[in-house]
């Protein structure tokens, strides 16, 4: 019975483009936010270490 289910799932599998699956485009803003926040966190830690 399990093999029948697996066959059915494989037969029904559809490949959809990333933009359609996400219902829109994905801007690369997250990369900028991550980079800026990481830089600021490193600067703050350096200031804290040098301050004490």
PDB file of N, CA and C in Angstrom:
ATOM      1  N   UNK A   1       0.826  -1.197   0.000  1.00  0.00           N
ATOM      2  CA  UNK A   1       0.000   0.000   0.000  1.00  0.00           C
ATOM      3  C   UNK A   1       0.872   1.263   0.000  1.00  0.00           C
ATOM      4  N   UNK A   2       1.955   1.219   0.742  1.00  0.00           N
ATOM      5  CA  UNK A   2       2.813   2.396   0.788  1.00  0.00           C
ATOM      6  C   UNK A   2       3.464   2.659  -0.573  1.00  0.00           C
ATOM      7  N   UNK A   3       3.826   1.624  -1.276  1.00  0.00           N
ATOM      8  CA  UNK A   3       4.441   1.799  -2.589  1.00  0.00           C
ATOM      9  C   UNK A   3       3.467   2.456  -3.561  1.00  0.00           C
ATOM     10  N   UNK A   4       2.196   2.100  -3.451  1.00  0.00           N
ATOM     11  CA  UNK A   4       1.196   2.721  -4.310  1.00  0.00           C
ATOM     12  C   UNK A   4       1.100   4.215  -4.031  1.00  0.00           C
ATOM     13  N   UNK A   5       1.157   4.577  -2.780  1.00  0.00           N
ATOM     14  CA  UNK A   5       1.097   5.994  -2.409  1.00  0.00           C
ATOM     15  C   UNK A   5       2.316   6.743  -2.941  1.00  0.00           C
ATOM     16  N   UNK A   6       3.460   6.150  -2.795  1.00  0.00           N
ATOM     17  CA  UNK A   6       4.684   6.793  -3.273  1.00  0.00           C
ATOM     18  C   UNK A   6       4.647   6.972  -4.783  1.00  0.00           C
ATOM     19  N   UNK A   7       4.149   5.964  -5.496  1.00  0.00           N
ATOM     20  CA  UNK A   7       4.032   6.075  -6.955  1.00  0.00           C
ATOM     21  C   UNK A   7       3.082   7.202  -7.328  1.00  0.00           C
ATOM     22  N   UNK A   8       1.965   7.282  -6.615  1.00  0.00           N
ATOM     23  CA  UNK A   8       0.990   8.321  -6.897  1.00  0.00           C
ATOM     24  C   UNK A   8       1.576   9.701  -6.647  1.00  0.00           C
ATOM     25  N   UNK A   9       2.352   9.844  -5.567  1.00  0.00           N
ATOM     26  CA  UNK A   9       2.956  11.134  -5.255  1.00  0.00           C
ATOM     27  C   UNK A   9       3.989  11.519  -6.306  1.00  0.00           C
ATOM     28  N   UNK A  10       4.757  10.552  -6.775  1.00  0.00           N
ATOM     29  CA  UNK A  10       5.764  10.839  -7.784  1.00  0.00           C
ATOM     30  C   UNK A  10       5.097  11.237  -9.094  1.00  0.00           C
ATOM     31  N   UNK A  11       4.023  10.564  -9.428  1.00  0.00           N
ATOM     32  CA  UNK A  11       3.312  10.889 -10.666  1.00  0.00           C
ATOM     33  C   UNK A  11       2.681  12.278 -10.604  1.00  0.00           C
ATOM     34  N   UNK A  12       2.250  12.713  -9.432  1.00  0.00           N
ATOM     35  CA  UNK A  12       1.581  14.002  -9.296  1.00  0.00           C
ATOM     36  C   UNK A  12       2.550  15.149  -9.030  1.00  0.00           C
ATOM     37  N   UNK A  13       3.818  14.848  -8.872  1.00  0.00           N
ATOM     38  CA  UNK A  13       4.799  15.887  -8.549  1.00  0.00           C
ATOM     39  C   UNK A  13       4.919  16.879  -9.697  1.00  0.00           C
ATOM     40  N   UNK A  14       4.881  18.153  -9.331  1.00  0.00           N
ATOM     41  CA  UNK A  14       4.998  19.214 -10.317  1.00  0.00           C
ATOM     42  C   UNK A  14       6.146  20.127  -9.921  1.00  0.00           C
ATOM     43  N   UNK A  15       6.863  20.574 -10.908  1.00  0.00           N
ATOM     44  CA  UNK A  15       7.942  21.522 -10.645  1.00  0.00           C
ATOM     45  C   UNK A  15       7.482  22.903 -11.094  1.00  0.00           C
ATOM     46  N   UNK A  16       7.518  23.833 -10.153  1.00  0.00           N
ATOM     47  CA  UNK A  16       7.050  25.193 -10.408  1.00  0.00           C
ATOM     48  C   UNK A  16       8.241  26.128 -10.277  1.00  0.00           C
ATOM     49  N   UNK A  17       8.280  27.145 -11.108  1.00  0.00           N
ATOM     50  CA  UNK A  17       9.352  28.133 -11.035  1.00  0.00           C
ATOM     51  C   UNK A  17       9.339  28.818  -9.667  1.00  0.00           C
ATOM     52  N   UNK A  18      10.502  29.233  -9.217  1.00  0.00           N
ATOM     53  CA  UNK A  18      10.632  29.827  -7.882  1.00  0.00           C
ATOM     54  C   UNK A  18       9.754  31.059  -7.717  1.00  0.00           C
ATOM     55  N   UNK A  19       9.744  31.929  -8.702  1.00  0.00           N
ATOM     56  CA  UNK A  19       8.954  33.152  -8.590  1.00  0.00           C
ATOM     57  C   UNK A  19       7.461  32.851  -8.513  1.00  0.00           C
ATOM     58  N   UNK A  20       7.001  31.853  -9.239  1.00  0.00           N
ATOM     59  CA  UNK A  20       5.582  31.503  -9.175  1.00  0.00           C
ATOM     60  C   UNK A  20       5.242  30.854  -7.844  1.00  0.00           C
ATOM     61  N   UNK A  21       6.126  30.036  -7.334  1.00  0.00           N
ATOM     62  CA  UNK A  21       5.878  29.371  -6.059  1.00  0.00           C
ATOM     63  C   UNK A  21       5.837  30.377  -4.913  1.00  0.00           C
ATOM     64  N   UNK A  22       6.619  31.418  -5.017  1.00  0.00           N
ATOM     65  CA  UNK A  22       6.650  32.436  -3.964  1.00  0.00           C
ATOM     66  C   UNK A  22       5.676  33.566  -4.229  1.00  0.00           C
ATOM     67  N   UNK A  23       4.970  33.494  -5.304  1.00  0.00           N
ATOM     68  CA  UNK A  23       3.961  34.492  -5.677  1.00  0.00           C
ATOM     69  C   UNK A  23       4.578  35.875  -5.874  1.00  0.00           C
ATOM     70  N   UNK A  24       5.752  35.927  -6.463  1.00  0.00           N
ATOM     71  CA  UNK A  24       6.366  37.213  -6.764  1.00  0.00           C
ATOM     72  C   UNK A  24       7.870  37.118  -6.808  1.00  0.00           C
ATOM     73  N   UNK A  25       8.487  38.245  -7.026  1.00  0.00           N
ATOM     74  CA  UNK A  25       9.946  38.264  -7.095  1.00  0.00           C
ATOM     75  C   UNK A  25      10.532  38.356  -5.696  1.00  0.00           C
ATOM     76  N   UNK A  26      11.792  38.013  -5.575  1.00  0.00           N
ATOM     77  CA  UNK A  26      12.459  38.075  -4.280  1.00  0.00           C
ATOM     78  C   UNK A  26      13.630  39.049  -4.387  1.00  0.00           C
ATOM     79  N   UNK A  27      13.455  40.259  -3.892  1.00  0.00           N
ATOM     80  CA  UNK A  27      14.552  41.229  -3.947  1.00  0.00           C
ATOM     81  C   UNK A  27      15.669  40.819  -2.991  1.00  0.00           C
ATOM     82  N   UNK A  28      16.843  41.325  -3.257  1.00  0.00           N
ATOM     83  CA  UNK A  28      18.007  40.957  -2.452  1.00  0.00           C
ATOM     84  C   UNK A  28      18.228  41.912  -1.281  1.00  0.00           C
ATOM     85  N   UNK A  29      17.154  42.475  -0.761  1.00  0.00           N
ATOM     86  CA  UNK A  29      17.256  43.415   0.353  1.00  0.00           C
ATOM     87  C   UNK A  29      17.762  42.707   1.599  1.00  0.00           C
ATOM     88  N   UNK A  30      17.420  41.443   1.769  1.00  0.00           N
ATOM     89  CA  UNK A  30      17.826  40.702   2.956  1.00  0.00           C
ATOM     90  C   UNK A  30      19.343  40.658   3.071  1.00  0.00           C
ATOM     91  N   UNK A  31      20.027  40.548   1.946  1.00  0.00           N
ATOM     92  CA  UNK A  31      21.493  40.525   1.976  1.00  0.00           C
ATOM     93  C   UNK A  31      22.050  41.833   2.511  1.00  0.00           C
ATOM     94  N   UNK A  32      21.465  42.942   2.099  1.00  0.00           N
ATOM     95  CA  UNK A  32      21.937  44.239   2.576  1.00  0.00           C
ATOM     96  C   UNK A  32      21.663  44.402   4.060  1.00  0.00           C
ATOM     97  N   UNK A  33      20.479  44.023   4.500  1.00  0.00           N
ATOM     98  CA  UNK A  33      20.135  44.138   5.919  1.00  0.00           C
ATOM     99  C   UNK A  33      21.066  43.273   6.752  1.00  0.00           C
ATOM    100  N   UNK A  34      21.336  42.060   6.301  1.00  0.00           N
ATOM    101  CA  UNK A  34      22.231  41.169   7.035  1.00  0.00           C
ATOM    102  C   UNK A  34      23.644  41.739   7.096  1.00  0.00           C
ATOM    103  N   UNK A  35      24.138  42.231   5.991  1.00  0.00           N
ATOM    104  CA  UNK A  35      25.485  42.793   5.965  1.00  0.00           C
ATOM    105  C   UNK A  35      25.628  44.015   6.846  1.00  0.00           C
ATOM    106  N   UNK A  36      24.660  44.919   6.774  1.00  0.00           N
ATOM    107  CA  UNK A  36      24.712  46.144   7.580  1.00  0.00           C
ATOM    108  C   UNK A  36      24.590  45.821   9.057  1.00  0.00           C
ATOM    109  N   UNK A  37      23.664  44.937   9.419  1.00  0.00           N
ATOM    110  CA  UNK A  37      23.483  44.609  10.831  1.00  0.00           C
ATOM    111  C   UNK A  37      24.693  43.868  11.382  1.00  0.00           C
ATOM    112  N   UNK A  38      25.303  43.009  10.583  1.00  0.00           N
ATOM    113  CA  UNK A  38      26.509  42.309  11.029  1.00  0.00           C
ATOM    114  C   UNK A  38      27.656  43.285  11.245  1.00  0.00           C
ATOM    115  N   UNK A  39      27.814  44.227  10.335  1.00  0.00           N
ATOM    116  CA  UNK A  39      28.852  45.242  10.479  1.00  0.00           C
ATOM    117  C   UNK A  39      28.632  46.087  11.727  1.00  0.00           C
ATOM    118  N   UNK A  40      27.399  46.517  11.941  1.00  0.00           N
ATOM    119  CA  UNK A  40      27.099  47.316  13.132  1.00  0.00           C
ATOM    120  C   UNK A  40      27.321  46.517  14.414  1.00  0.00           C
ATOM    121  N   UNK A  41      26.972  45.253  14.422  1.00  0.00           N
ATOM    122  CA  UNK A  41      27.182  44.421  15.615  1.00  0.00           C
ATOM    123  C   UNK A  41      28.672  44.282  15.921  1.00  0.00           C
ATOM    124  N   UNK A  42      29.479  44.108  14.887  1.00  0.00           N
ATOM    125  CA  UNK A  42      30.931  44.003  15.094  1.00  0.00           C
ATOM    126  C   UNK A  42      31.495  45.307  15.621  1.00  0.00           C
ATOM    127  N   UNK A  43      31.054  46.434  15.081  1.00  0.00           N
ATOM    128  CA  UNK A  43      31.524  47.750  15.545  1.00  0.00           C
ATOM    129  C   UNK A  43      31.143  47.962  17.006  1.00  0.00           C
ATOM    130  N   UNK A  44      29.909  47.640  17.356  1.00  0.00           N
ATOM    131  CA  UNK A  44      29.459  47.805  18.751  1.00  0.00           C
ATOM    132  C   UNK A  44      30.280  46.925  19.688  1.00  0.00           C
ATOM    133  N   UNK A  45      30.554  45.693  19.286  1.00  0.00           N
ATOM    134  CA  UNK A  45      31.347  44.811  20.149  1.00  0.00           C
ATOM    135  C   UNK A  45      32.772  45.342  20.317  1.00  0.00           C
ATOM    136  N   UNK A  46      33.359  45.883  19.250  1.00  0.00           N
ATOM    137  CA  UNK A  46      34.712  46.455  19.352  1.00  0.00           C
ATOM    138  C   UNK A  46      34.703  47.647  20.298  1.00  0.00           C
ATOM    139  N   UNK A  47      33.699  48.492  20.174  1.00  0.00           N
ATOM    140  CA  UNK A  47      33.601  49.668  21.060  1.00  0.00           C
ATOM    141  C   UNK A  47      33.447  49.232  22.513  1.00  0.00           C
ATOM    142  N   UNK A  48      32.645  48.199  22.765  1.00  0.00           N
ATOM    143  CA  UNK A  48      32.449  47.720  24.136  1.00  0.00           C
ATOM    144  C   UNK A  48      33.749  47.139  24.689  1.00  0.00           C
ATOM    145  N   UNK A  49      34.475  46.365  23.895  1.00  0.00           N
ATOM    146  CA  UNK A  49      35.725  45.762  24.357  1.00  0.00           C
ATOM    147  C   UNK A  49      36.765  46.838  24.625  1.00  0.00           C
ATOM    148  N   UNK A  50      36.887  47.824  23.759  1.00  0.00           N
ATOM    149  CA  UNK A  50      37.865  48.896  23.957  1.00  0.00           C
ATOM    150  C   UNK A  50      37.447  49.832  25.084  1.00  0.00           C
ATOM    151  N   UNK A  51      36.168  49.914  25.359  1.00  0.00           N
ATOM    152  CA  UNK A  51      35.681  50.795  26.413  1.00  0.00           C
ATOM    153  C   UNK A  51      35.966  50.285  27.809  1.00  0.00           C
ATOM    154  N   UNK A  52      36.187  48.997  27.964  1.00  0.00           N
ATOM    155  CA  UNK A  52      36.410  48.436  29.302  1.00  0.00           C
ATOM    156  C   UNK A  52      37.826  48.029  29.450  1.00  0.00           C
TER     157      UNK A  52
END
